[in-house]
Amino acid sequence: MFHVIGITPISPLRLAPSHRAEMVSQLLFGEMAELLNRDGDFVQVRTVFDQYVGWVQASQVTDVLESWLEKSKILGYIDCATTIKFAGGPMLIYPGTPIWKCQTLAGIKVDYGVLPSLKPKHKTKRSLQKAAMAYMNTAYLWGGKTTAGTDCSGFVQQVFKLFGTDLPRDAYQQAAHGEVIGFLEESMPGDLAFFDNEEGSITHVGILLAPNKIIHSSGQVRIDMIDSQGIKQKASGKRTHFLRIIKRVW
């Protein structure tokens, strides 16, 4: 089994080996993936963190030697964008980026500088709200999962990663995890609300801040009102998403 690791801040993970192909997710700096196939300038990979399969440009990853992997480990994940030094130059990395205990990343010199504590955050109403609010006004981006652009499930996955809770990549996959909460009135801050389309498929997810308030990525990361039927936009009062189920994953 061969592995590669991301060496750019954000690498598009695409459905097919083409720059025109749909971006289904992203590979962040320092994220590892299993190498599956090669096709021209692209390699097909399966991400280690969430087992997502896609194609990434070969120049945006580098091979990982088993000898390096044996003496290196992930210390944690950063919770805010910060600039590090990599390959002799500055690099801006984003929330959710793994920080490795190493002086070289797969043979390339890296200097993380002084970073805050990388231990999983203590799960409280205040700490979760702070982590989610760090994404406020981030533009919606299909396949995105950073403060440079994120979709709904990428936003949820990256916030919960900071608390030591690993979730799958897509909303319908996330909906299969956790304990069902019967009513909004019984919900707690940090519970996940899932929404379906006319065919009954889960297509959207957000994080409850209160029984009547949700933060989610729709157009941009925003806070809207929610009731037993679903989400109402705070400004217009328009119903935008229809509630399917509430889950507690932590």
C-alpha atoms as a PDB file:
ATOM      1  CA  MET A   1       0.000   0.000   0.000  1.00  0.00           C
ATOM      2  CA  PHE A   2       1.440   3.376  -1.079  1.00  0.00           C
ATOM      3  CA  HIS A   3       0.503   6.736   0.440  1.00  0.00           C
ATOM      4  CA  VAL A   4       0.787  10.368  -0.614  1.00  0.00           C
ATOM      5  CA  ILE A   5       0.449  13.579   1.396  1.00  0.00           C
ATOM      6  CA  GLY A   6      -0.845  17.027   0.457  1.00  0.00           C
ATOM      7  CA  ILE A   7       1.830  19.701  -0.046  1.00  0.00           C
ATOM      8  CA  THR A   8      -0.357  22.675  -1.011  1.00  0.00           C
ATOM      9  CA  PRO A   9      -2.769  24.529   1.319  1.00  0.00           C
ATOM     10  CA  ILE A  10      -5.834  23.185  -0.513  1.00  0.00           C
ATOM     11  CA  SER A  11      -5.881  20.641  -3.346  1.00  0.00           C
ATOM     12  CA  PRO A  12      -9.131  19.984  -5.253  1.00  0.00           C
ATOM     13  CA  LEU A  13     -10.258  16.359  -5.078  1.00  0.00           C
ATOM     14  CA  ARG A  14     -12.103  15.735  -8.335  1.00  0.00           C
ATOM     15  CA  LEU A  15     -14.570  13.181  -9.651  1.00  0.00           C
ATOM     16  CA  ALA A  16     -12.395  12.450 -12.707  1.00  0.00           C
ATOM     17  CA  PRO A  17      -8.767  13.099 -13.775  1.00  0.00           C
ATOM     18  CA  SER A  18      -9.446  16.496 -15.337  1.00  0.00           C
ATOM     19  CA  HIS A  19      -9.377  20.131 -14.215  1.00  0.00           C
ATOM     20  CA  ARG A  20     -12.889  20.413 -15.652  1.00  0.00           C
ATOM     21  CA  ALA A  21     -14.231  17.600 -13.487  1.00  0.00           C
ATOM     22  CA  GLU A  22     -16.470  18.284 -10.500  1.00  0.00           C
ATOM     23  CA  MET A  23     -14.665  19.008  -7.227  1.00  0.00           C
ATOM     24  CA  VAL A  24     -16.143  16.559  -4.718  1.00  0.00           C
ATOM     25  CA  SER A  25     -13.883  17.389  -1.767  1.00  0.00           C
ATOM     26  CA  GLN A  26     -10.442  18.752  -0.925  1.00  0.00           C
ATOM     27  CA  LEU A  27      -7.111  17.463   0.348  1.00  0.00           C
ATOM     28  CA  LEU A  28      -5.512  19.859   2.825  1.00  0.00           C
ATOM     29  CA  PHE A  29      -1.826  20.392   3.492  1.00  0.00           C
ATOM     30  CA  GLY A  30      -0.491  17.423   5.460  1.00  0.00           C
ATOM     31  CA  GLU A  31      -3.532  15.217   4.867  1.00  0.00           C
ATOM     32  CA  MET A  32      -2.641  11.678   3.841  1.00  0.00           C
ATOM     33  CA  ALA A  33      -4.259   9.507   1.217  1.00  0.00           C
ATOM     34  CA  GLU A  34      -3.836   6.010  -0.149  1.00  0.00           C
ATOM     35  CA  LEU A  35      -2.608   5.966  -3.745  1.00  0.00           C
ATOM     36  CA  LEU A  36      -5.015   4.003  -5.967  1.00  0.00           C
ATOM     37  CA  ASN A  37      -4.241   4.851  -9.587  1.00  0.00           C
ATOM     38  CA  ARG A  38      -2.461   7.227 -11.965  1.00  0.00           C
ATOM     39  CA  ASP A  39      -3.743   8.938 -15.101  1.00  0.00           C
ATOM     40  CA  GLY A  40      -1.581  11.556 -16.783  1.00  0.00           C
ATOM     41  CA  ASP A  41      -1.104  14.535 -14.463  1.00  0.00           C
ATOM     42  CA  PHE A  42      -3.524  13.137 -11.876  1.00  0.00           C
ATOM     43  CA  VAL A  43      -3.492  10.453  -9.208  1.00  0.00           C
ATOM     44  CA  GLN A  44      -6.542   8.739  -7.763  1.00  0.00           C
ATOM     45  CA  VAL A  45      -6.496   8.587  -3.973  1.00  0.00           C
ATOM     46  CA  ARG A  46      -8.553   7.503  -0.978  1.00  0.00           C
ATOM     47  CA  THR A  47      -8.206   9.939   1.917  1.00  0.00           C
ATOM     48  CA  VAL A  48      -7.110   8.395   5.202  1.00  0.00           C
ATOM     49  CA  PHE A  49      -9.276  10.651   7.389  1.00  0.00           C
ATOM     50  CA  ASP A  50     -12.674  10.029   5.797  1.00  0.00           C
ATOM     51  CA  GLN A  51     -12.058   7.381   3.096  1.00  0.00           C
ATOM     52  CA  TYR A  52     -13.148   9.713   0.302  1.00  0.00           C
ATOM     53  CA  VAL A  53     -12.076   8.747  -3.228  1.00  0.00           C
ATOM     54  CA  GLY A  54     -11.152  11.265  -5.902  1.00  0.00           C
ATOM     55  CA  TRP A  55      -8.502  12.543  -8.280  1.00  0.00           C
ATOM     56  CA  VAL A  56      -5.880  15.125  -7.316  1.00  0.00           C
ATOM     57  CA  GLN A  57      -3.175  16.762  -9.413  1.00  0.00           C
ATOM     58  CA  ALA A  58       0.003  14.724  -8.938  1.00  0.00           C
ATOM     59  CA  SER A  59       2.183  17.809  -8.410  1.00  0.00           C
ATOM     60  CA  GLN A  60       0.098  18.790  -5.362  1.00  0.00           C
ATOM     61  CA  VAL A  61       1.031  15.665  -3.397  1.00  0.00           C
ATOM     62  CA  THR A  62       4.241  13.807  -2.654  1.00  0.00           C
ATOM     63  CA  ASP A  63       4.988  10.181  -1.866  1.00  0.00           C
ATOM     64  CA  VAL A  64       5.199   9.146   1.779  1.00  0.00           C
ATOM     65  CA  LEU A  65       7.977   6.777   2.796  1.00  0.00           C
ATOM     66  CA  GLU A  66       7.147   4.176   5.431  1.00  0.00           C
ATOM     67  CA  SER A  67      10.322   5.157   7.308  1.00  0.00           C
ATOM     68  CA  TRP A  68       9.015   8.736   7.659  1.00  0.00           C
ATOM     69  CA  LEU A  69       5.570   7.575   8.673  1.00  0.00           C
ATOM     70  CA  GLU A  70       6.952   5.307  11.395  1.00  0.00           C
ATOM     71  CA  LYS A  71       8.578   8.212  13.251  1.00  0.00           C
ATOM     72  CA  SER A  72       5.972  10.908  12.549  1.00  0.00           C
ATOM     73  CA  LYS A  73       2.503  11.447  13.982  1.00  0.00           C
ATOM     74  CA  ILE A  74      -0.307  14.001  13.896  1.00  0.00           C
ATOM     75  CA  LEU A  75      -0.291  16.223  16.991  1.00  0.00           C
ATOM     76  CA  GLY A  76      -3.654  17.807  16.257  1.00  0.00           C
ATOM     77  CA  TYR A  77      -5.452  20.264  13.981  1.00  0.00           C
ATOM     78  CA  ILE A  78      -5.223  24.041  13.808  1.00  0.00           C
ATOM     79  CA  ASP A  79      -8.397  26.033  14.498  1.00  0.00           C
ATOM     80  CA  CYS A  80      -7.531  29.221  12.606  1.00  0.00           C
ATOM     81  CA  ALA A  81      -5.691  30.176   9.443  1.00  0.00           C
ATOM     82  CA  THR A  82      -1.988  30.693  10.043  1.00  0.00           C
ATOM     83  CA  THR A  83       1.198  31.113   8.030  1.00  0.00           C
ATOM     84  CA  ILE A  84       3.976  28.534   8.248  1.00  0.00           C
ATOM     85  CA  LYS A  85       7.218  28.002   6.352  1.00  0.00           C
ATOM     86  CA  PHE A  86       7.381  25.143   3.863  1.00  0.00           C
ATOM     87  CA  ALA A  87      10.014  24.316   1.242  1.00  0.00           C
ATOM     88  CA  GLY A  88      11.778  27.596   2.018  1.00  0.00           C
ATOM     89  CA  GLY A  89       8.767  29.888   1.585  1.00  0.00           C
ATOM     90  CA  PRO A  90       5.633  31.073   3.423  1.00  0.00           C
ATOM     91  CA  MET A  91       2.398  29.098   3.208  1.00  0.00           C
ATOM     92  CA  LEU A  92      -1.058  29.970   4.539  1.00  0.00           C
ATOM     93  CA  ILE A  93      -2.814  26.930   5.994  1.00  0.00           C
ATOM     94  CA  TYR A  94      -6.461  26.676   7.019  1.00  0.00           C
ATOM     95  CA  PRO A  95      -8.532  25.450   9.990  1.00  0.00           C
ATOM     96  CA  GLY A  96      -8.639  21.656  10.107  1.00  0.00           C
ATOM     97  CA  THR A  97      -5.115  21.278   8.711  1.00  0.00           C
ATOM     98  CA  PRO A  98      -3.207  18.496  10.529  1.00  0.00           C
ATOM     99  CA  ILE A  99       0.023  19.403  12.301  1.00  0.00           C
ATOM    100  CA  TRP A 100       2.669  16.686  12.242  1.00  0.00           C
ATOM    101  CA  LYS A 101       5.373  16.040  14.818  1.00  0.00           C
ATOM    102  CA  CYS A 102       8.264  16.384  12.383  1.00  0.00           C
ATOM    103  CA  GLN A 103      10.857  18.765  10.932  1.00  0.00           C
ATOM    104  CA  THR A 104      10.255  17.571   7.399  1.00  0.00           C
ATOM    105  CA  LEU A 105       6.959  16.682   5.765  1.00  0.00           C
ATOM    106  CA  ALA A 106       7.722  13.581   3.718  1.00  0.00           C
ATOM    107  CA  GLY A 107      11.264  14.860   3.185  1.00  0.00           C
ATOM    108  CA  ILE A 108      10.440  18.560   2.633  1.00  0.00           C
ATOM    109  CA  LYS A 109      11.449  21.007   5.376  1.00  0.00           C
ATOM    110  CA  VAL A 110       8.539  22.454   7.355  1.00  0.00           C
ATOM    111  CA  ASP A 111       8.526  25.019  10.171  1.00  0.00           C
ATOM    112  CA  TYR A 112       5.180  25.412  11.928  1.00  0.00           C
ATOM    113  CA  GLY A 113       6.471  28.153  14.232  1.00  0.00           C
ATOM    114  CA  VAL A 114       4.617  28.758  17.506  1.00  0.00           C
ATOM    115  CA  LEU A 115       1.137  27.247  17.452  1.00  0.00           C
ATOM    116  CA  PRO A 116      -1.628  27.192  20.081  1.00  0.00           C
ATOM    117  CA  SER A 117      -2.589  23.975  21.864  1.00  0.00           C
ATOM    118  CA  LEU A 118      -3.473  21.259  19.369  1.00  0.00           C
ATOM    119  CA  LYS A 119      -5.300  19.018  21.820  1.00  0.00           C
ATOM    120  CA  PRO A 120      -8.968  18.330  20.985  1.00  0.00           C
ATOM    121  CA  LYS A 121     -11.091  21.154  22.334  1.00  0.00           C
ATOM    122  CA  HIS A 122     -13.240  20.637  25.424  1.00  0.00           C
ATOM    123  CA  LYS A 123     -16.805  20.190  24.241  1.00  0.00           C
ATOM    124  CA  THR A 124     -18.896  23.044  25.604  1.00  0.00           C
ATOM    125  CA  LYS A 125     -21.669  25.183  24.148  1.00  0.00           C
ATOM    126  CA  ARG A 126     -19.337  28.174  24.072  1.00  0.00           C
ATOM    127  CA  SER A 127     -16.344  26.404  22.501  1.00  0.00           C
ATOM    128  CA  LEU A 128     -18.442  24.812  19.754  1.00  0.00           C
ATOM    129  CA  GLN A 129     -20.150  28.094  18.924  1.00  0.00           C
ATOM    130  CA  LYS A 130     -16.763  29.829  18.733  1.00  0.00           C
ATOM    131  CA  ALA A 131     -15.372  27.160  16.388  1.00  0.00           C
ATOM    132  CA  ALA A 132     -18.426  27.334  14.117  1.00  0.00           C
ATOM    133  CA  MET A 133     -18.531  31.138  14.131  1.00  0.00           C
ATOM    134  CA  ALA A 134     -14.957  31.211  12.798  1.00  0.00           C
ATOM    135  CA  TYR A 135     -16.512  30.173   9.454  1.00  0.00           C
ATOM    136  CA  MET A 136     -19.182  32.923   9.414  1.00  0.00           C
ATOM    137  CA  ASN A 137     -19.673  34.545   5.998  1.00  0.00           C
ATOM    138  CA  THR A 138     -17.441  31.971   4.284  1.00  0.00           C
ATOM    139  CA  ALA A 139     -18.730  31.538   0.731  1.00  0.00           C
ATOM    140  CA  TYR A 140     -20.545  28.317  -0.156  1.00  0.00           C
ATOM    141  CA  LEU A 141     -18.314  26.136  -2.327  1.00  0.00           C
ATOM    142  CA  TRP A 142     -19.382  22.702  -3.530  1.00  0.00           C
ATOM    143  CA  GLY A 143     -16.732  20.236  -2.331  1.00  0.00           C
ATOM    144  CA  GLY A 144     -15.057  22.855  -0.130  1.00  0.00           C
ATOM    145  CA  LYS A 145     -14.172  22.414   3.547  1.00  0.00           C
ATOM    146  CA  THR A 146     -12.185  25.497   4.598  1.00  0.00           C
ATOM    147  CA  THR A 147     -12.716  29.149   5.502  1.00  0.00           C
ATOM    148  CA  ALA A 148     -11.798  29.934   1.883  1.00  0.00           C
ATOM    149  CA  GLY A 149     -15.035  28.213   0.797  1.00  0.00           C
ATOM    150  CA  THR A 150     -17.091  25.345   2.192  1.00  0.00           C
ATOM    151  CA  ASP A 151     -20.177  23.264   1.546  1.00  0.00           C
ATOM    152  CA  CYS A 152     -22.590  22.298   4.315  1.00  0.00           C
ATOM    153  CA  SER A 153     -21.124  18.925   5.250  1.00  0.00           C
ATOM    154  CA  GLY A 154     -17.515  20.067   4.894  1.00  0.00           C
ATOM    155  CA  PHE A 155     -18.232  22.844   7.382  1.00  0.00           C
ATOM    156  CA  VAL A 156     -19.769  20.411   9.878  1.00  0.00           C
ATOM    157  CA  GLN A 157     -16.980  17.848   9.447  1.00  0.00           C
ATOM    158  CA  GLN A 158     -14.196  20.368  10.004  1.00  0.00           C
ATOM    159  CA  VAL A 159     -15.792  21.967  13.077  1.00  0.00           C
ATOM    160  CA  PHE A 160     -16.298  18.611  14.789  1.00  0.00           C
ATOM    161  CA  LYS A 161     -12.787  17.460  13.868  1.00  0.00           C
ATOM    162  CA  LEU A 162     -11.451  20.110  16.265  1.00  0.00           C
ATOM    163  CA  PHE A 163     -13.313  18.386  19.112  1.00  0.00           C
ATOM    164  CA  GLY A 164     -12.009  14.905  18.365  1.00  0.00           C
ATOM    165  CA  THR A 165     -15.240  13.777  16.683  1.00  0.00           C
ATOM    166  CA  ASP A 166     -14.556  12.264  13.247  1.00  0.00           C
ATOM    167  CA  LEU A 167     -17.476  12.463  10.822  1.00  0.00           C
ATOM    168  CA  PRO A 168     -17.795  11.260   7.204  1.00  0.00           C
ATOM    169  CA  ARG A 169     -17.608  13.760   4.356  1.00  0.00           C
ATOM    170  CA  ASP A 170     -21.182  13.949   3.006  1.00  0.00           C
ATOM    171  CA  ALA A 171     -24.409  14.952   4.758  1.00  0.00           C
ATOM    172  CA  TYR A 172     -26.209  11.653   4.084  1.00  0.00           C
ATOM    173  CA  GLN A 173     -23.239   9.765   5.548  1.00  0.00           C
ATOM    174  CA  GLN A 174     -23.152  11.991   8.629  1.00  0.00           C
ATOM    175  CA  ALA A 175     -26.881  11.371   9.160  1.00  0.00           C
ATOM    176  CA  ALA A 176     -26.121   7.685   9.783  1.00  0.00           C
ATOM    177  CA  HIS A 177     -24.135   8.578  12.925  1.00  0.00           C
ATOM    178  CA  GLY A 178     -25.214   9.461  16.421  1.00  0.00           C
ATOM    179  CA  GLU A 179     -28.375   9.352  18.533  1.00  0.00           C
ATOM    180  CA  VAL A 180     -31.757  10.460  17.195  1.00  0.00           C
ATOM    181  CA  ILE A 181     -33.286  13.448  18.984  1.00  0.00           C
ATOM    182  CA  GLY A 182     -37.065  13.379  18.681  1.00  0.00           C
ATOM    183  CA  PHE A 183     -37.936  17.065  18.903  1.00  0.00           C
ATOM    184  CA  LEU A 184     -36.203  20.396  18.443  1.00  0.00           C
ATOM    185  CA  GLU A 185     -37.220  21.303  21.989  1.00  0.00           C
ATOM    186  CA  GLU A 186     -35.074  18.398  23.240  1.00  0.00           C
ATOM    187  CA  SER A 187     -32.031  19.438  21.211  1.00  0.00           C
ATOM    188  CA  MET A 188     -28.794  20.845  22.596  1.00  0.00           C
ATOM    189  CA  PRO A 189     -26.240  23.221  21.060  1.00  0.00           C
ATOM    190  CA  GLY A 190     -23.995  21.094  18.844  1.00  0.00           C
ATOM    191  CA  ASP A 191     -26.707  18.707  17.681  1.00  0.00           C
ATOM    192  CA  LEU A 192     -26.898  18.249  13.917  1.00  0.00           C
ATOM    193  CA  ALA A 193     -30.040  18.971  11.920  1.00  0.00           C
ATOM    194  CA  PHE A 194     -30.426  17.191   8.587  1.00  0.00           C
ATOM    195  CA  PHE A 195     -32.695  18.207   5.723  1.00  0.00           C
ATOM    196  CA  ASP A 196     -34.047  16.332   2.717  1.00  0.00           C
ATOM    197  CA  ASN A 197     -35.238  17.073  -0.804  1.00  0.00           C
ATOM    198  CA  GLU A 198     -38.518  16.161  -2.500  1.00  0.00           C
ATOM    199  CA  GLU A 199     -37.236  12.631  -3.145  1.00  0.00           C
ATOM    200  CA  GLY A 200     -36.486  12.122   0.557  1.00  0.00           C
ATOM    201  CA  SER A 201     -32.689  12.162   0.169  1.00  0.00           C
ATOM    202  CA  ILE A 202     -30.577  13.922   2.806  1.00  0.00           C
ATOM    203  CA  THR A 203     -29.011  16.911   1.042  1.00  0.00           C
ATOM    204  CA  HIS A 204     -28.186  19.445   3.768  1.00  0.00           C
ATOM    205  CA  VAL A 205     -26.878  19.652   7.334  1.00  0.00           C
ATOM    206  CA  GLY A 206     -26.256  22.363   9.903  1.00  0.00           C
ATOM    207  CA  ILE A 207     -25.245  22.789  13.536  1.00  0.00           C
ATOM    208  CA  LEU A 208     -27.907  23.807  16.050  1.00  0.00           C
ATOM    209  CA  LEU A 209     -26.923  26.729  18.272  1.00  0.00           C
ATOM    210  CA  ALA A 210     -30.282  26.670  20.078  1.00  0.00           C
ATOM    211  CA  PRO A 211     -33.640  24.913  19.509  1.00  0.00           C
ATOM    212  CA  ASN A 212     -34.627  27.790  17.199  1.00  0.00           C
ATOM    213  CA  LYS A 213     -31.261  28.764  15.717  1.00  0.00           C
ATOM    214  CA  ILE A 214     -28.900  27.032  13.284  1.00  0.00           C
ATOM    215  CA  ILE A 215     -25.555  27.818  11.651  1.00  0.00           C
ATOM    216  CA  HIS A 216     -25.071  26.273   8.212  1.00  0.00           C
ATOM    217  CA  SER A 217     -23.488  26.815   4.799  1.00  0.00           C
ATOM    218  CA  SER A 218     -26.101  27.957   2.294  1.00  0.00           C
ATOM    219  CA  GLY A 219     -24.910  30.709  -0.027  1.00  0.00           C
ATOM    220  CA  GLN A 220     -22.483  31.477   2.755  1.00  0.00           C
ATOM    221  CA  VAL A 221     -22.030  30.268   6.312  1.00  0.00           C
ATOM    222  CA  ARG A 222     -24.902  31.983   8.095  1.00  0.00           C
ATOM    223  CA  ILE A 223     -27.200  31.822  11.092  1.00  0.00           C
ATOM    224  CA  ASP A 224     -30.910  31.296  10.427  1.00  0.00           C
ATOM    225  CA  MET A 225     -34.051  30.431  12.361  1.00  0.00           C
ATOM    226  CA  ILE A 226     -35.334  26.857  12.483  1.00  0.00           C
ATOM    227  CA  ASP A 227     -38.643  25.303  13.552  1.00  0.00           C
ATOM    228  CA  SER A 228     -40.197  21.849  13.345  1.00  0.00           C
ATOM    229  CA  GLN A 229     -40.677  22.234   9.590  1.00  0.00           C
ATOM    230  CA  GLY A 230     -37.184  23.437   8.762  1.00  0.00           C
ATOM    231  CA  ILE A 231     -35.057  26.525   8.137  1.00  0.00           C
ATOM    232  CA  LYS A 232     -36.403  30.017   7.603  1.00  0.00           C
ATOM    233  CA  GLN A 233     -34.037  32.689   6.373  1.00  0.00           C
ATOM    234  CA  LYS A 234     -33.605  35.268   9.092  1.00  0.00           C
ATOM    235  CA  ALA A 235     -33.996  38.287   6.796  1.00  0.00           C
ATOM    236  CA  SER A 236     -36.692  37.186   4.336  1.00  0.00           C
ATOM    237  CA  GLY A 237     -38.606  34.610   6.370  1.00  0.00           C
ATOM    238  CA  LYS A 238     -38.469  32.304   3.317  1.00  0.00           C
ATOM    239  CA  ARG A 239     -38.518  28.552   3.957  1.00  0.00           C
ATOM    240  CA  THR A 240     -35.333  27.163   2.385  1.00  0.00           C
ATOM    241  CA  HIS A 241     -34.796  23.670   3.845  1.00  0.00           C
ATOM    242  CA  PHE A 242     -37.136  21.028   5.253  1.00  0.00           C
ATOM    243  CA  LEU A 243     -36.163  19.233   8.456  1.00  0.00           C
ATOM    244  CA  ARG A 244     -35.777  15.456   8.285  1.00  0.00           C
ATOM    245  CA  ILE A 245     -33.949  14.371  11.452  1.00  0.00           C
ATOM    246  CA  ILE A 246     -31.855  15.634  14.376  1.00  0.00           C
ATOM    247  CA  LYS A 247     -28.824  13.675  15.567  1.00  0.00           C
ATOM    248  CA  ARG A 248     -26.465  13.992  18.539  1.00  0.00           C
ATOM    249  CA  VAL A 249     -22.964  12.884  17.553  1.00  0.00           C
ATOM    250  CA  TRP A 250     -20.986  13.872  20.681  1.00  0.00           C
END
